Every structure is written in structure tokens, then in C-alpha cells.
Amino acid sequence: MSIDTYKLTSMEEPTDEVLSQLMREAAEEASKSNSEATTRFFEEIKQAAAAY
């Protein structure tokens, strides 16, 4: 089983390696999304402050 063939809906438990990779990728994606949201938030704050 590899990360490319594992399906989360599978009745089969992932190996420790596959689970570790899935968790690492999810954490990286969450971190990236959080960073992008923070950047957008502060840009909107700057724009709102400049409008006043």
C-alpha cells in the first residue's frame, strides 16, 4: 500500500508510514491555508484602514 493508492474510505487500515505521510501532508496543507488566510485578513484590514 502506498500514499498514491490508499483511499480514506477503505476498510483496510493504513500502514504507519502511509498514515504518517497523510498526516504530514494534511498538516502542511493546513499550515499553508492558515498562512494565506492570515495574509488576506491583514491585507483587508490595511485596505479598510486606508479607506477611512
N, C-alpha and C. Protein backbone atom coordinates (compact mmCIF):
# COMPACT_ATOMS: atom_id res chain seq x y z
N MET A 1 0.86 -1.17 0.00
CA MET A 1 0.00 0.00 0.00
C MET A 1 0.90 1.24 0.00
N SER A 2 0.52 2.21 -0.81
CA SER A 2 1.27 3.47 -0.85
C SER A 2 0.29 4.63 -0.69
N ILE A 3 0.83 5.80 -0.48
CA ILE A 3 0.01 7.00 -0.33
C ILE A 3 -0.81 7.25 -1.59
N ASP A 4 -0.29 6.85 -2.74
CA ASP A 4 -0.99 7.08 -4.00
C ASP A 4 -2.17 6.13 -4.20
N THR A 5 -2.14 4.98 -3.55
CA THR A 5 -3.21 4.01 -3.77
C THR A 5 -4.17 3.90 -2.59
N TYR A 6 -3.82 4.46 -1.44
CA TYR A 6 -4.69 4.35 -0.27
C TYR A 6 -5.89 5.27 -0.40
N LYS A 7 -7.05 4.76 -0.07
CA LYS A 7 -8.29 5.53 -0.08
C LYS A 7 -8.79 5.65 1.36
N LEU A 8 -9.15 6.85 1.78
CA LEU A 8 -9.62 7.05 3.15
C LEU A 8 -10.90 6.27 3.44
N THR A 9 -11.66 5.93 2.41
CA THR A 9 -12.89 5.19 2.61
C THR A 9 -12.66 3.69 2.65
N SER A 10 -11.42 3.28 2.52
CA SER A 10 -11.08 1.86 2.52
C SER A 10 -11.36 1.25 3.88
N MET A 11 -11.75 0.00 3.89
CA MET A 11 -11.96 -0.73 5.13
C MET A 11 -10.63 -1.21 5.69
N GLU A 12 -9.59 -1.07 4.92
CA GLU A 12 -8.25 -1.50 5.30
C GLU A 12 -7.54 -0.38 6.07
N GLU A 13 -6.91 -0.72 7.16
CA GLU A 13 -6.16 0.27 7.94
C GLU A 13 -4.89 0.65 7.19
N PRO A 14 -4.52 1.93 7.21
CA PRO A 14 -3.28 2.33 6.54
C PRO A 14 -2.07 1.85 7.35
N THR A 15 -0.98 1.68 6.67
CA THR A 15 0.26 1.35 7.38
C THR A 15 0.70 2.59 8.16
N ASP A 16 1.59 2.40 9.09
CA ASP A 16 2.10 3.53 9.87
C ASP A 16 2.75 4.56 8.96
N GLU A 17 3.46 4.10 7.95
CA GLU A 17 4.13 5.01 7.02
C GLU A 17 3.12 5.84 6.23
N VAL A 18 2.07 5.17 5.72
CA VAL A 18 1.05 5.88 4.94
C VAL A 18 0.30 6.86 5.84
N LEU A 19 -0.04 6.43 7.04
CA LEU A 19 -0.75 7.31 7.96
C LEU A 19 0.11 8.52 8.31
N SER A 20 1.39 8.29 8.54
CA SER A 20 2.30 9.39 8.85
C SER A 20 2.38 10.38 7.70
N GLN A 21 2.45 9.87 6.48
CA GLN A 21 2.52 10.75 5.32
C GLN A 21 1.22 11.51 5.13
N LEU A 22 0.09 10.84 5.32
CA LEU A 22 -1.21 11.52 5.22
C LEU A 22 -1.31 12.66 6.23
N MET A 23 -0.89 12.39 7.45
CA MET A 23 -0.95 13.41 8.49
C MET A 23 0.01 14.56 8.20
N ARG A 24 1.19 14.25 7.71
CA ARG A 24 2.17 15.29 7.38
C ARG A 24 1.64 16.18 6.26
N GLU A 25 1.06 15.56 5.22
CA GLU A 25 0.51 16.35 4.11
C GLU A 25 -0.67 17.20 4.56
N ALA A 26 -1.52 16.65 5.44
CA ALA A 26 -2.66 17.43 5.95
C ALA A 26 -2.16 18.62 6.77
N ALA A 27 -1.14 18.40 7.58
CA ALA A 27 -0.59 19.49 8.40
C ALA A 27 0.03 20.57 7.51
N GLU A 28 0.74 20.16 6.46
CA GLU A 28 1.34 21.14 5.55
C GLU A 28 0.26 21.95 4.84
N GLU A 29 -0.80 21.27 4.41
CA GLU A 29 -1.89 21.97 3.72
C GLU A 29 -2.61 22.93 4.67
N ALA A 30 -2.83 22.51 5.91
CA ALA A 30 -3.48 23.38 6.88
C ALA A 30 -2.61 24.59 7.20
N SER A 31 -1.33 24.38 7.31
CA SER A 31 -0.41 25.49 7.58
C SER A 31 -0.40 26.49 6.43
N LYS A 32 -0.37 26.00 5.22
CA LYS A 32 -0.38 26.86 4.05
C LYS A 32 -1.69 27.65 3.98
N SER A 33 -2.80 26.97 4.20
CA SER A 33 -4.11 27.62 4.16
C SER A 33 -4.21 28.69 5.25
N ASN A 34 -3.72 28.39 6.43
CA ASN A 34 -3.74 29.35 7.53
C ASN A 34 -2.90 30.57 7.20
N SER A 35 -1.74 30.35 6.63
CA SER A 35 -0.85 31.46 6.26
C SER A 35 -1.51 32.35 5.21
N GLU A 36 -2.13 31.74 4.22
CA GLU A 36 -2.80 32.51 3.17
C GLU A 36 -3.98 33.30 3.75
N ALA A 37 -4.74 32.69 4.64
CA ALA A 37 -5.88 33.38 5.25
C ALA A 37 -5.41 34.55 6.11
N THR A 38 -4.33 34.37 6.84
CA THR A 38 -3.78 35.45 7.66
C THR A 38 -3.33 36.61 6.79
N THR A 39 -2.65 36.30 5.70
CA THR A 39 -2.21 37.35 4.78
C THR A 39 -3.40 38.11 4.21
N ARG A 40 -4.43 37.39 3.76
CA ARG A 40 -5.64 38.05 3.23
C ARG A 40 -6.31 38.91 4.29
N PHE A 41 -6.38 38.42 5.52
CA PHE A 41 -7.00 39.16 6.61
C PHE A 41 -6.31 40.50 6.82
N PHE A 42 -4.99 40.47 6.94
CA PHE A 42 -4.26 41.71 7.20
C PHE A 42 -4.29 42.66 5.99
N GLU A 43 -4.33 42.12 4.79
CA GLU A 43 -4.48 42.97 3.61
C GLU A 43 -5.84 43.67 3.63
N GLU A 44 -6.89 42.95 4.02
CA GLU A 44 -8.22 43.56 4.11
C GLU A 44 -8.26 44.62 5.21
N ILE A 45 -7.59 44.37 6.32
CA ILE A 45 -7.52 45.35 7.40
C ILE A 45 -6.82 46.62 6.90
N LYS A 46 -5.70 46.45 6.19
CA LYS A 46 -4.96 47.61 5.65
C LYS A 46 -5.83 48.41 4.69
N GLN A 47 -6.58 47.70 3.82
CA GLN A 47 -7.43 48.38 2.86
C GLN A 47 -8.56 49.13 3.57
N ALA A 48 -9.13 48.51 4.59
CA ALA A 48 -10.21 49.16 5.33
C ALA A 48 -9.67 50.39 6.07
N ALA A 49 -8.49 50.28 6.63
CA ALA A 49 -7.90 51.42 7.36
C ALA A 49 -7.56 52.56 6.40
N ALA A 50 -7.12 52.22 5.19
CA ALA A 50 -6.77 53.24 4.22
C ALA A 50 -8.00 53.96 3.68
N ALA A 51 -9.16 53.29 3.74
CA ALA A 51 -10.39 53.88 3.23
C ALA A 51 -10.94 54.95 4.17
N TYR A 52 -10.51 54.96 5.42
CA TYR A 52 -11.02 55.94 6.39
C TYR A 52 -10.18 57.14 6.46
